[in-house]
Every structure is written in C-alpha cells, then in structure tokens.
Amino acid sequence: MNEPTKEIQREFWGLCGFNWWEVAEAWCFGKDEVSRELPPITLDNLFEYAVPKLTKYRLENDWSEIEKHFAYVEIKEKSGQRMR
C-alpha cells in the first residue's frame, strides 16, 4: 500500500478533530493545541487522537460508516514498519 496522499491525510486528521485555521495558517486540535503540520500517522498518534474520536463516533454511528472513512489509511509504527 502506498503512502496516503496529503488530501487523504487532511481528511483523516479532520475526522479526528483537527481543523485548519486560516488566520494563523495552522492546524488546531481542541482549545490549545496548534501546529503548522499535521502529525504523522503513527500508532502513538492514533491512540492519542483517533481512538477517542472513534470511540465517541462509534457510540453515535454504526461500524460500516467508520470503516468507509478509514479504509485507505496506512498505519506505521515509529520505526516506519507498516502495520497493515
């Protein structure tokens, strides 16, 4: 599987709660986390940002919707090894 495109990464992190703030030209997460770059898609970042969002989302929706959104995301460990 190839690396996800920038567009897919933006969509993925957007679903996890990151928002682009035009005024600051930065990504915002929550009330006090701001960064010019999106985090890399690693296991650590998935557990920090995606899993809590998925848990909340799962309570409000069915799994088929979740699978559709995250079908093309490639997960890597910090070492760069592919997980799937």
N, C-alpha and C. Protein backbone atom coordinates (compact mmCIF):
# COMPACT_ATOMS: atom_id res chain seq x y z
N MET A 1 0.85 -1.17 0.00
CA MET A 1 0.00 0.00 0.00
C MET A 1 0.90 1.24 0.00
N ASN A 2 0.52 2.22 -0.78
CA ASN A 2 1.29 3.46 -0.87
C ASN A 2 0.98 4.38 0.32
N GLU A 3 1.85 5.36 0.48
CA GLU A 3 1.62 6.39 1.50
C GLU A 3 0.31 7.12 1.16
N PRO A 4 -0.46 7.50 2.18
CA PRO A 4 -1.67 8.27 1.89
C PRO A 4 -1.30 9.64 1.34
N THR A 5 -2.08 10.12 0.42
CA THR A 5 -1.84 11.44 -0.14
C THR A 5 -2.08 12.52 0.91
N LYS A 6 -1.60 13.71 0.65
CA LYS A 6 -1.83 14.83 1.58
C LYS A 6 -3.33 15.06 1.77
N GLU A 7 -4.09 14.91 0.70
CA GLU A 7 -5.54 15.10 0.78
C GLU A 7 -6.18 14.07 1.72
N ILE A 8 -5.78 12.82 1.60
CA ILE A 8 -6.31 11.77 2.47
C ILE A 8 -5.88 12.01 3.91
N GLN A 9 -4.62 12.44 4.11
CA GLN A 9 -4.16 12.74 5.47
C GLN A 9 -4.96 13.88 6.09
N ARG A 10 -5.21 14.93 5.31
CA ARG A 10 -6.00 16.06 5.81
C ARG A 10 -7.42 15.60 6.17
N GLU A 11 -8.01 14.77 5.31
CA GLU A 11 -9.36 14.27 5.58
C GLU A 11 -9.35 13.40 6.85
N PHE A 12 -8.36 12.52 6.96
CA PHE A 12 -8.27 11.63 8.12
C PHE A 12 -8.15 12.44 9.41
N TRP A 13 -7.19 13.38 9.46
CA TRP A 13 -7.00 14.15 10.68
C TRP A 13 -8.19 15.09 10.93
N GLY A 14 -8.84 15.53 9.87
CA GLY A 14 -10.06 16.33 10.03
C GLY A 14 -11.15 15.53 10.74
N LEU A 15 -11.28 14.26 10.37
CA LEU A 15 -12.25 13.38 11.03
C LEU A 15 -11.88 13.14 12.49
N CYS A 16 -10.60 13.26 12.81
CA CYS A 16 -10.13 13.06 14.19
C CYS A 16 -10.25 14.33 15.02
N GLY A 17 -10.64 15.44 14.41
CA GLY A 17 -10.87 16.66 15.17
C GLY A 17 -9.92 17.81 14.88
N PHE A 18 -9.01 17.63 13.93
CA PHE A 18 -8.11 18.73 13.56
C PHE A 18 -8.83 19.67 12.60
N ASN A 19 -8.65 20.96 12.78
CA ASN A 19 -9.27 21.97 11.92
C ASN A 19 -8.21 22.95 11.43
N TRP A 20 -8.33 23.35 10.17
CA TRP A 20 -7.41 24.34 9.59
C TRP A 20 -7.90 25.72 9.97
N TRP A 21 -7.02 26.51 10.58
CA TRP A 21 -7.34 27.86 10.99
C TRP A 21 -6.63 28.82 10.06
N GLU A 22 -7.38 29.44 9.15
CA GLU A 22 -6.83 30.31 8.11
C GLU A 22 -6.04 31.49 8.69
N VAL A 23 -6.56 32.10 9.74
CA VAL A 23 -5.94 33.30 10.31
C VAL A 23 -4.51 33.01 10.75
N ALA A 24 -4.30 31.89 11.41
CA ALA A 24 -2.97 31.54 11.91
C ALA A 24 -2.20 30.67 10.93
N GLU A 25 -2.87 30.24 9.87
CA GLU A 25 -2.29 29.30 8.92
C GLU A 25 -1.70 28.11 9.66
N ALA A 26 -2.55 27.50 10.49
CA ALA A 26 -2.10 26.37 11.32
C ALA A 26 -3.27 25.42 11.56
N TRP A 27 -2.92 24.19 11.97
CA TRP A 27 -3.90 23.19 12.35
C TRP A 27 -4.17 23.32 13.83
N CYS A 28 -5.44 23.23 14.20
CA CYS A 28 -5.84 23.33 15.60
C CYS A 28 -6.52 22.04 16.03
N PHE A 29 -6.23 21.64 17.25
CA PHE A 29 -6.90 20.48 17.84
C PHE A 29 -7.29 20.86 19.26
N GLY A 30 -8.57 20.82 19.52
CA GLY A 30 -9.04 21.24 20.84
C GLY A 30 -8.89 22.74 21.01
N LYS A 31 -8.76 23.16 22.25
CA LYS A 31 -8.69 24.59 22.53
C LYS A 31 -7.28 25.15 22.52
N ASP A 32 -6.28 24.30 22.80
CA ASP A 32 -4.94 24.87 22.99
C ASP A 32 -3.82 24.17 22.24
N GLU A 33 -4.13 23.32 21.30
CA GLU A 33 -3.08 22.64 20.53
C GLU A 33 -3.08 23.18 19.09
N VAL A 34 -1.99 23.83 18.71
CA VAL A 34 -1.86 24.45 17.39
C VAL A 34 -0.54 24.02 16.77
N SER A 35 -0.56 23.68 15.48
CA SER A 35 0.66 23.25 14.80
C SER A 35 0.56 23.59 13.32
N ARG A 36 1.68 23.92 12.73
CA ARG A 36 1.71 24.20 11.29
C ARG A 36 1.62 22.92 10.47
N GLU A 37 1.99 21.79 11.07
CA GLU A 37 1.98 20.49 10.39
C GLU A 37 1.01 19.54 11.07
N LEU A 38 0.41 18.68 10.29
CA LEU A 38 -0.39 17.61 10.88
C LEU A 38 0.55 16.54 11.42
N PRO A 39 0.14 15.82 12.46
CA PRO A 39 1.02 14.78 12.99
C PRO A 39 1.13 13.62 12.00
N PRO A 40 2.25 12.89 12.03
CA PRO A 40 2.35 11.71 11.18
C PRO A 40 1.37 10.65 11.66
N ILE A 41 0.97 9.78 10.76
CA ILE A 41 0.05 8.71 11.13
C ILE A 41 0.87 7.56 11.71
N THR A 42 0.99 7.55 13.04
CA THR A 42 1.72 6.52 13.77
C THR A 42 0.78 5.92 14.81
N LEU A 43 1.16 4.80 15.39
CA LEU A 43 0.33 4.19 16.43
C LEU A 43 0.14 5.12 17.62
N ASP A 44 1.20 5.79 18.04
CA ASP A 44 1.09 6.72 19.17
C ASP A 44 0.05 7.80 18.89
N ASN A 45 0.12 8.39 17.70
CA ASN A 45 -0.82 9.46 17.34
C ASN A 45 -2.24 8.92 17.17
N LEU A 46 -2.37 7.71 16.65
CA LEU A 46 -3.70 7.13 16.51
C LEU A 46 -4.36 6.95 17.87
N PHE A 47 -3.60 6.45 18.85
CA PHE A 47 -4.18 6.26 20.17
C PHE A 47 -4.44 7.59 20.88
N GLU A 48 -3.66 8.60 20.57
CA GLU A 48 -3.86 9.90 21.20
C GLU A 48 -5.06 10.65 20.61
N TYR A 49 -5.20 10.61 19.28
CA TYR A 49 -6.21 11.43 18.62
C TYR A 49 -7.38 10.63 18.02
N ALA A 50 -7.08 9.55 17.30
CA ALA A 50 -8.12 8.85 16.55
C ALA A 50 -8.98 7.93 17.41
N VAL A 51 -8.38 7.17 18.31
CA VAL A 51 -9.15 6.20 19.09
C VAL A 51 -10.23 6.88 19.94
N PRO A 52 -9.92 7.96 20.66
CA PRO A 52 -11.00 8.62 21.41
C PRO A 52 -12.13 9.11 20.50
N LYS A 53 -11.76 9.64 19.34
CA LYS A 53 -12.77 10.13 18.39
C LYS A 53 -13.60 8.97 17.85
N LEU A 54 -12.94 7.86 17.51
CA LEU A 54 -13.65 6.68 17.01
C LEU A 54 -14.60 6.12 18.06
N THR A 55 -14.16 6.11 19.30
CA THR A 55 -15.00 5.59 20.38
C THR A 55 -16.27 6.42 20.49
N LYS A 56 -16.12 7.73 20.47
CA LYS A 56 -17.29 8.61 20.53
C LYS A 56 -18.15 8.44 19.28
N TYR A 57 -17.51 8.37 18.12
CA TYR A 57 -18.22 8.23 16.86
C TYR A 57 -18.99 6.91 16.82
N ARG A 58 -18.35 5.84 17.32
CA ARG A 58 -18.97 4.51 17.31
C ARG A 58 -20.25 4.51 18.14
N LEU A 59 -20.26 5.25 19.21
CA LEU A 59 -21.44 5.29 20.06
C LEU A 59 -22.62 5.97 19.35
N GLU A 60 -22.30 6.81 18.36
CA GLU A 60 -23.34 7.56 17.66
C GLU A 60 -23.67 7.00 16.28
N ASN A 61 -22.83 6.10 15.74
CA ASN A 61 -23.00 5.60 14.37
C ASN A 61 -22.71 4.10 14.31
N ASP A 62 -22.89 3.51 13.13
CA ASP A 62 -22.55 2.10 13.00
C ASP A 62 -21.15 1.94 12.41
N TRP A 63 -20.56 0.74 12.55
CA TRP A 63 -19.18 0.49 12.15
C TRP A 63 -18.95 0.64 10.65
N SER A 64 -19.96 0.38 9.82
CA SER A 64 -19.75 0.49 8.38
C SER A 64 -19.37 1.91 7.98
N GLU A 65 -19.90 2.92 8.66
CA GLU A 65 -19.54 4.31 8.38
C GLU A 65 -18.09 4.58 8.76
N ILE A 66 -17.65 4.05 9.89
CA ILE A 66 -16.27 4.23 10.35
C ILE A 66 -15.31 3.58 9.36
N GLU A 67 -15.60 2.34 8.95
CA GLU A 67 -14.72 1.63 8.02
C GLU A 67 -14.59 2.38 6.70
N LYS A 68 -15.68 2.97 6.24
CA LYS A 68 -15.65 3.72 4.98
C LYS A 68 -14.68 4.90 5.08
N HIS A 69 -14.67 5.61 6.20
CA HIS A 69 -13.82 6.79 6.35
C HIS A 69 -12.34 6.44 6.46
N PHE A 70 -12.01 5.32 7.09
CA PHE A 70 -10.62 4.99 7.37
C PHE A 70 -10.07 3.85 6.52
N ALA A 71 -10.75 3.53 5.42
CA ALA A 71 -10.35 2.38 4.60
C ALA A 71 -8.99 2.55 3.94
N TYR A 72 -8.56 3.75 3.65
CA TYR A 72 -7.33 3.97 2.88
C TYR A 72 -6.17 4.50 3.72
N VAL A 73 -6.28 4.43 5.03
CA VAL A 73 -5.23 4.96 5.89
C VAL A 73 -4.24 3.85 6.22
N GLU A 74 -2.97 4.14 6.01
CA GLU A 74 -1.91 3.20 6.33
C GLU A 74 -1.30 3.58 7.67
N ILE A 75 -1.21 2.62 8.57
CA ILE A 75 -0.69 2.87 9.91
C ILE A 75 0.74 2.37 10.00
N LYS A 76 1.62 3.16 10.59
CA LYS A 76 3.01 2.79 10.77
C LYS A 76 3.42 2.93 12.22
N GLU A 77 4.36 2.09 12.65
CA GLU A 77 4.95 2.25 13.96
C GLU A 77 5.97 3.36 13.85
N LYS A 78 6.55 3.79 14.97
CA LYS A 78 7.57 4.83 14.94
C LYS A 78 8.75 4.40 14.07
N SER A 79 9.04 3.09 14.05
CA SER A 79 10.17 2.58 13.27
C SER A 79 9.93 2.68 11.78
N GLY A 80 8.68 2.97 11.37
CA GLY A 80 8.36 3.06 9.95
C GLY A 80 7.81 1.76 9.39
N GLN A 81 7.71 0.74 10.23
CA GLN A 81 7.20 -0.55 9.78
C GLN A 81 5.70 -0.46 9.57
N ARG A 82 5.22 -1.02 8.48
CA ARG A 82 3.80 -0.98 8.18
C ARG A 82 3.03 -1.94 9.08
N MET A 83 1.86 -1.49 9.52
CA MET A 83 1.03 -2.31 10.38
C MET A 83 -0.01 -3.08 9.59
N ARG A 84 -0.44 -2.55 8.43
CA ARG A 84 -1.37 -3.29 7.57
C ARG A 84 -1.12 -2.94 6.15
